[in-house]
PDB file of N, CA and C in Angstrom:
ATOM      1  N   VAL A   1     207.098  19.284 134.825  1.00  0.00           N
ATOM      2  CA  VAL A   1     208.242  20.135 134.709  1.00  0.00           C
ATOM      3  C   VAL A   1     208.882  20.245 136.086  1.00  0.00           C
ATOM      4  N   TYR A   2     210.211  20.067 136.139  1.00  0.00           N
ATOM      5  CA  TYR A   2     210.920  20.245 137.407  1.00  0.00           C
ATOM      6  C   TYR A   2     211.622  21.597 137.398  1.00  0.00           C
ATOM      7  N   ILE A   3     211.410  22.366 138.452  1.00  0.00           N
ATOM      8  CA  ILE A   3     212.074  23.650 138.619  1.00  0.00           C
ATOM      9  C   ILE A   3     212.798  23.611 139.968  1.00  0.00           C
ATOM     10  N   PRO A   4     214.131  23.773 139.955  1.00  0.00           N
ATOM     11  CA  PRO A   4     214.877  23.733 141.213  1.00  0.00           C
ATOM     12  C   PRO A   4     214.283  24.676 142.263  1.00  0.00           C
ATOM     13  N   ARG A   5     214.271  24.215 143.501  1.00  0.00           N
ATOM     14  CA  ARG A   5     213.748  24.934 144.667  1.00  0.00           C
ATOM     15  C   ARG A   5     212.235  25.142 144.622  1.00  0.00           C
ATOM     16  N   GLN A   6     211.556  24.664 143.573  1.00  0.00           N
ATOM     17  CA  GLN A   6     210.100  24.765 143.513  1.00  0.00           C
ATOM     18  C   GLN A   6     209.447  23.390 143.478  1.00  0.00           C
ATOM     19  N   GLY A   7     210.084  22.437 142.825  1.00  0.00           N
ATOM     20  CA  GLY A   7     209.541  21.094 142.750  1.00  0.00           C
ATOM     21  C   GLY A   7     209.081  20.727 141.353  1.00  0.00           C
ATOM     22  N   THR A   8     208.271  19.679 141.287  1.00  0.00           N
ATOM     23  CA  THR A   8     207.762  19.158 140.024  1.00  0.00           C
ATOM     24  C   THR A   8     206.323  19.615 139.852  1.00  0.00           C
ATOM     25  N   SER A   9     206.043  20.231 138.719  1.00  0.00           N
ATOM     26  CA  SER A   9     204.694  20.705 138.425  1.00  0.00           C
ATOM     27  C   SER A   9     204.117  19.905 137.272  1.00  0.00           C
ATOM     28  N   PHE A  10     202.824  19.656 137.353  1.00  0.00           N
ATOM     29  CA  PHE A  10     202.096  18.967 136.293  1.00  0.00           C
ATOM     30  C   PHE A  10     201.076  19.932 135.705  1.00  0.00           C
ATOM     31  N   PHE A  11     201.007  19.946 134.379  1.00  0.00           N
ATOM     32  CA  PHE A  11     200.119  20.873 133.682  1.00  0.00           C
ATOM     33  C   PHE A  11     199.123  20.102 132.825  1.00  0.00           C
ATOM     34  N   TYR A  12     197.947  20.671 132.692  1.00  0.00           N
ATOM     35  CA  TYR A  12     196.916  20.123 131.809  1.00  0.00           C
ATOM     36  C   TYR A  12     196.262  21.303 131.111  1.00  0.00           C
ATOM     37  N   GLU A  13     196.295  21.273 129.794  1.00  0.00           N
ATOM     38  CA  GLU A  13     195.744  22.349 128.972  1.00  0.00           C
ATOM     39  C   GLU A  13     196.298  23.710 129.397  1.00  0.00           C
ATOM     40  N   GLY A  14     197.604  23.736 129.670  1.00  0.00           N
ATOM     41  CA  GLY A  14     198.284  24.971 129.991  1.00  0.00           C
ATOM     42  C   GLY A  14     198.133  25.465 131.416  1.00  0.00           C
ATOM     43  N   LYS A  15     197.395  24.746 132.240  1.00  0.00           N
ATOM     44  CA  LYS A  15     197.191  25.161 133.628  1.00  0.00           C
ATOM     45  C   LYS A  15     197.853  24.171 134.571  1.00  0.00           C
ATOM     46  N   ARG A  16     198.549  24.701 135.565  1.00  0.00           N
ATOM     47  CA  ARG A  16     199.170  23.824 136.555  1.00  0.00           C
ATOM     48  C   ARG A  16     198.079  23.184 137.397  1.00  0.00           C
ATOM     49  N   ILE A  17     198.122  21.842 137.458  1.00  0.00           N
ATOM     50  CA  ILE A  17     197.100  21.121 138.210  1.00  0.00           C
ATOM     51  C   ILE A  17     197.645  20.507 139.491  1.00  0.00           C
ATOM     52  N   SER A  18     198.969  20.421 139.601  1.00  0.00           N
ATOM     53  CA  SER A  18     199.554  19.827 140.801  1.00  0.00           C
ATOM     54  C   SER A  18     201.021  20.210 140.891  1.00  0.00           C
ATOM     55  N   GLN A  19     201.528  20.214 142.121  1.00  0.00           N
ATOM     56  CA  GLN A  19     202.948  20.471 142.332  1.00  0.00           C
ATOM     57  C   GLN A  19     203.415  19.633 143.508  1.00  0.00           C
ATOM     58  N   ILE A  20     204.571  19.003 143.339  1.00  0.00           N
ATOM     59  CA  ILE A  20     205.163  18.178 144.388  1.00  0.00           C
ATOM     60  C   ILE A  20     206.527  18.760 144.718  1.00  0.00           C
ATOM     61  N   GLN A  21     206.720  19.124 145.967  1.00  0.00           N
ATOM     62  CA  GLN A  21     207.957  19.751 146.422  1.00  0.00           C
ATOM     63  C   GLN A  21     209.099  18.734 146.513  1.00  0.00           C
ATOM     64  N   GLY A  22     210.315  19.235 146.417  1.00  0.00           N
ATOM     65  CA  GLY A  22     211.500  18.424 146.644  1.00  0.00           C
ATOM     66  C   GLY A  22     212.047  17.760 145.397  1.00  0.00           C
ATOM     67  N   THR A  23     213.229  17.176 145.569  1.00  0.00           N
ATOM     68  CA  THR A  23     213.909  16.537 144.446  1.00  0.00           C
ATOM     69  C   THR A  23     213.682  15.031 144.380  1.00  0.00           C
ATOM     70  N   ASP A  24     213.314  14.401 145.487  1.00  0.00           N
ATOM     71  CA  ASP A  24     213.164  12.942 145.497  1.00  0.00           C
ATOM     72  C   ASP A  24     212.136  12.472 144.478  1.00  0.00           C
ATOM     73  N   PHE A  25     210.976  13.120 144.441  1.00  0.00           N
ATOM     74  CA  PHE A  25     209.950  12.716 143.480  1.00  0.00           C
ATOM     75  C   PHE A  25     210.434  12.948 142.054  1.00  0.00           C
ATOM     76  N   ALA A  26     211.038  14.093 141.799  1.00  0.00           N
ATOM     77  CA  ALA A  26     211.507  14.406 140.447  1.00  0.00           C
ATOM     78  C   ALA A  26     212.503  13.358 139.958  1.00  0.00           C
ATOM     79  N   LYS A  27     213.445  12.989 140.811  1.00  0.00           N
ATOM     80  CA  LYS A  27     214.438  11.981 140.421  1.00  0.00           C
ATOM     81  C   LYS A  27     213.774  10.648 140.106  1.00  0.00           C
ATOM     82  N   ALA A  28     212.822  10.247 140.929  1.00  0.00           N
ATOM     83  CA  ALA A  28     212.142   8.966 140.702  1.00  0.00           C
ATOM     84  C   ALA A  28     211.271   9.020 139.456  1.00  0.00           C
ATOM     85  N   PHE A  29     210.502  10.088 139.301  1.00  0.00           N
ATOM     86  CA  PHE A  29     209.569  10.196 138.176  1.00  0.00           C
ATOM     87  C   PHE A  29     210.302  10.274 136.842  1.00  0.00           C
ATOM     88  N   PHE A  30     211.248  11.191 136.720  1.00  0.00           N
ATOM     89  CA  PHE A  30     211.964  11.332 135.458  1.00  0.00           C
ATOM     90  C   PHE A  30     212.930  10.180 135.228  1.00  0.00           C
ATOM     91  N   GLY A  31     213.361   9.529 136.299  1.00  0.00           N
ATOM     92  CA  GLY A  31     214.232   8.368 136.172  1.00  0.00           C
ATOM     93  C   GLY A  31     213.572   7.196 135.471  1.00  0.00           C
ATOM     94  N   ILE A  32     212.230   7.163 135.495  1.00  0.00           N
ATOM     95  CA  ILE A  32     211.507   6.093 134.795  1.00  0.00           C
ATOM     96  C   ILE A  32     211.958   6.038 133.342  1.00  0.00           C
ATOM     97  N   TRP A  33     212.135   7.201 132.724  1.00  0.00           N
ATOM     98  CA  TRP A  33     212.506   7.250 131.311  1.00  0.00           C
ATOM     99  C   TRP A  33     213.958   7.605 131.088  1.00  0.00           C
ATOM    100  N   LEU A  34     214.556   8.381 131.976  1.00  0.00           N
ATOM    101  CA  LEU A  34     215.880   8.922 131.703  1.00  0.00           C
ATOM    102  C   LEU A  34     217.028   8.202 132.392  1.00  0.00           C
ATOM    103  N   ASP A  35     216.747   7.331 133.348  1.00  0.00           N
ATOM    104  CA  ASP A  35     217.808   6.580 134.023  1.00  0.00           C
ATOM    105  C   ASP A  35     218.495   5.661 133.023  1.00  0.00           C
ATOM    106  N   SER A  36     219.798   5.534 133.126  1.00  0.00           N
ATOM    107  CA  SER A  36     220.543   4.685 132.186  1.00  0.00           C
ATOM    108  C   SER A  36     220.137   3.218 132.279  1.00  0.00           C
ATOM    109  N   LYS A  37     219.475   2.820 133.368  1.00  0.00           N
ATOM    110  CA  LYS A  37     219.025   1.435 133.532  1.00  0.00           C
ATOM    111  C   LYS A  37     217.536   1.278 133.230  1.00  0.00           C
ATOM    112  N   THR A  38     216.953   2.204 132.473  1.00  0.00           N
ATOM    113  CA  THR A  38     215.530   2.164 132.150  1.00  0.00           C
ATOM    114  C   THR A  38     215.141   0.866 131.442  1.00  0.00           C
ATOM    115  N   SER A  39     213.885   0.506 131.566  1.00  0.00           N
ATOM    116  CA  SER A  39     213.387  -0.679 130.854  1.00  0.00           C
ATOM    117  C   SER A  39     213.006  -0.326 129.414  1.00  0.00           C
ATOM    118  N   ALA A  40     213.137   0.951 129.052  1.00  0.00           N
ATOM    119  CA  ALA A  40     212.806   1.401 127.695  1.00  0.00           C
ATOM    120  C   ALA A  40     213.987   2.190 127.112  1.00  0.00           C
ATOM    121  N   PRO A  41     215.098   1.499 126.821  1.00  0.00           N
ATOM    122  CA  PRO A  41     216.294   2.215 126.368  1.00  0.00           C
ATOM    123  C   PRO A  41     216.111   2.958 125.042  1.00  0.00           C
ATOM    124  N   LYS A  42     215.290   2.429 124.147  1.00  0.00           N
ATOM    125  CA  LYS A  42     215.072   3.112 122.865  1.00  0.00           C
ATOM    126  C   LYS A  42     214.344   4.438 123.091  1.00  0.00           C
ATOM    127  N   LEU A  43     213.321   4.419 123.937  1.00  0.00           N
ATOM    128  CA  LEU A  43     212.599   5.649 124.254  1.00  0.00           C
ATOM    129  C   LEU A  43     213.531   6.651 124.926  1.00  0.00           C
ATOM    130  N   ARG A  44     214.373   6.173 125.838  1.00  0.00           N
ATOM    131  CA  ARG A  44     215.332   7.056 126.516  1.00  0.00           C
ATOM    132  C   ARG A  44     216.236   7.739 125.498  1.00  0.00           C
ATOM    133  N   ALA A  45     216.767   6.971 124.572  1.00  0.00           N
ATOM    134  CA  ALA A  45     217.654   7.530 123.554  1.00  0.00           C
ATOM    135  C   ALA A  45     216.935   8.589 122.724  1.00  0.00           C
ATOM    136  N   GLU A  46     215.687   8.327 122.378  1.00  0.00           N
ATOM    137  CA  GLU A  46     214.920   9.293 121.595  1.00  0.00           C
ATOM    138  C   GLU A  46     214.637  10.559 122.402  1.00  0.00           C
ATOM    139  N   LEU A  47     214.290  10.411 123.675  1.00  0.00           N
ATOM    140  CA  LEU A  47     214.027  11.574 124.523  1.00  0.00           C
ATOM    141  C   LEU A  47     215.269  12.439 124.688  1.00  0.00           C
ATOM    142  N   LEU A  48     216.424  11.798 124.701  1.00  0.00           N
ATOM    143  CA  LEU A  48     217.686  12.521 124.857  1.00  0.00           C
ATOM    144  C   LEU A  48     218.277  12.962 123.519  1.00  0.00           C
ATOM    145  N   GLY A  49     217.566  12.709 122.430  1.00  0.00           N
ATOM    146  CA  GLY A  49     218.043  13.118 121.121  1.00  0.00           C
ATOM    147  C   GLY A  49     219.146  12.243 120.576  1.00  0.00           C
ATOM    148  N   GLN A  50     219.220  11.002 121.055  1.00  0.00           N
ATOM    149  CA  GLN A  50     220.283  10.100 120.625  1.00  0.00           C
ATOM    150  C   GLN A  50     219.791   9.062 119.627  1.00  0.00           C
ATOM    151  N   GLY A  51     218.526   9.096 119.306  1.00  0.00           N
ATOM    152  CA  GLY A  51     217.960   8.132 118.374  1.00  0.00           C
ATOM    153  C   GLY A  51     218.080   8.630 116.947  1.00  0.00           C
ATOM    154  N   CYS A  52     217.491   7.911 116.049  1.00  0.00           N
ATOM    155  CA  CYS A  52     217.480   8.308 114.648  1.00  0.00           C
ATOM    156  C   CYS A  52     216.541   9.494 114.458  1.00  0.00           C
ATOM    157  N   PRO A  53     216.880  10.398 113.554  1.00  0.00           N
ATOM    158  CA  PRO A  53     215.963  11.497 113.267  1.00  0.00           C
ATOM    159  C   PRO A  53     214.721  10.965 112.557  1.00  0.00           C
ATOM    160  N   PRO A  54     213.643  11.730 112.553  1.00  0.00           N
ATOM    161  CA  PRO A  54     212.436  11.282 111.857  1.00  0.00           C
ATOM    162  C   PRO A  54     212.728  10.988 110.394  1.00  0.00           C
ATOM    163  N   PRO A  55     212.007  10.018 109.787  1.00  0.00           N
ATOM    164  CA  PRO A  55     212.289   9.616 108.414  1.00  0.00           C
ATOM    165  C   PRO A  55     212.185  10.751 107.404  1.00  0.00           C
ATOM    166  N   LEU A  56     211.372  11.761 107.670  1.00  0.00           N
ATOM    167  CA  LEU A  56     211.264  12.875 106.734  1.00  0.00           C
ATOM    168  C   LEU A  56     212.537  13.709 106.691  1.00  0.00           C
ATOM    169  N   ILE A  57     213.328  13.640 107.750  1.00  0.00           N
ATOM    170  CA  ILE A  57     214.569  14.410 107.808  1.00  0.00           C
ATOM    171  C   ILE A  57     215.734  13.602 107.256  1.00  0.00           C
ATOM    172  N   SER A  58     215.765  12.326 107.576  1.00  0.00           N
ATOM    173  CA  SER A  58     216.889  11.501 107.152  1.00  0.00           C
ATOM    174  C   SER A  58     216.435  10.065 106.968  1.00  0.00           C
ATOM    175  N   GLY A  59     216.835   9.465 105.907  1.00  0.00           N
ATOM    176  CA  GLY A  59     216.526   8.057 105.672  1.00  0.00           C
ATOM    177  C   GLY A  59     217.656   7.153 106.121  1.00  0.00           C
ATOM    178  N   ALA A  60     218.535   7.658 106.979  1.00  0.00           N
ATOM    179  CA  ALA A  60     219.737   6.929 107.376  1.00  0.00           C
ATOM    180  C   ALA A  60     219.457   5.736 108.275  1.00  0.00           C
ATOM    181  N   CYS A  61     218.331   5.712 108.975  1.00  0.00           N
ATOM    182  CA  CYS A  61     218.099   4.640 109.940  1.00  0.00           C
ATOM    183  C   CYS A  61     217.084   3.633 109.448  1.00  0.00           C
TER     184      CYS A  61
END
């Protein structure tokens, strides 16, 4: 989770296990999936809610 002015926190079983200060790491880490030039465009679209809805909701895709 990225929180402005606090950094990126990692949680395991509801407990924070690590925190990295600054925005550089957050941009690089989340950019793996969210950058428009990602190597996984389908996953990016799904993470951003741009993919097809689950089949139980809609059979459109």
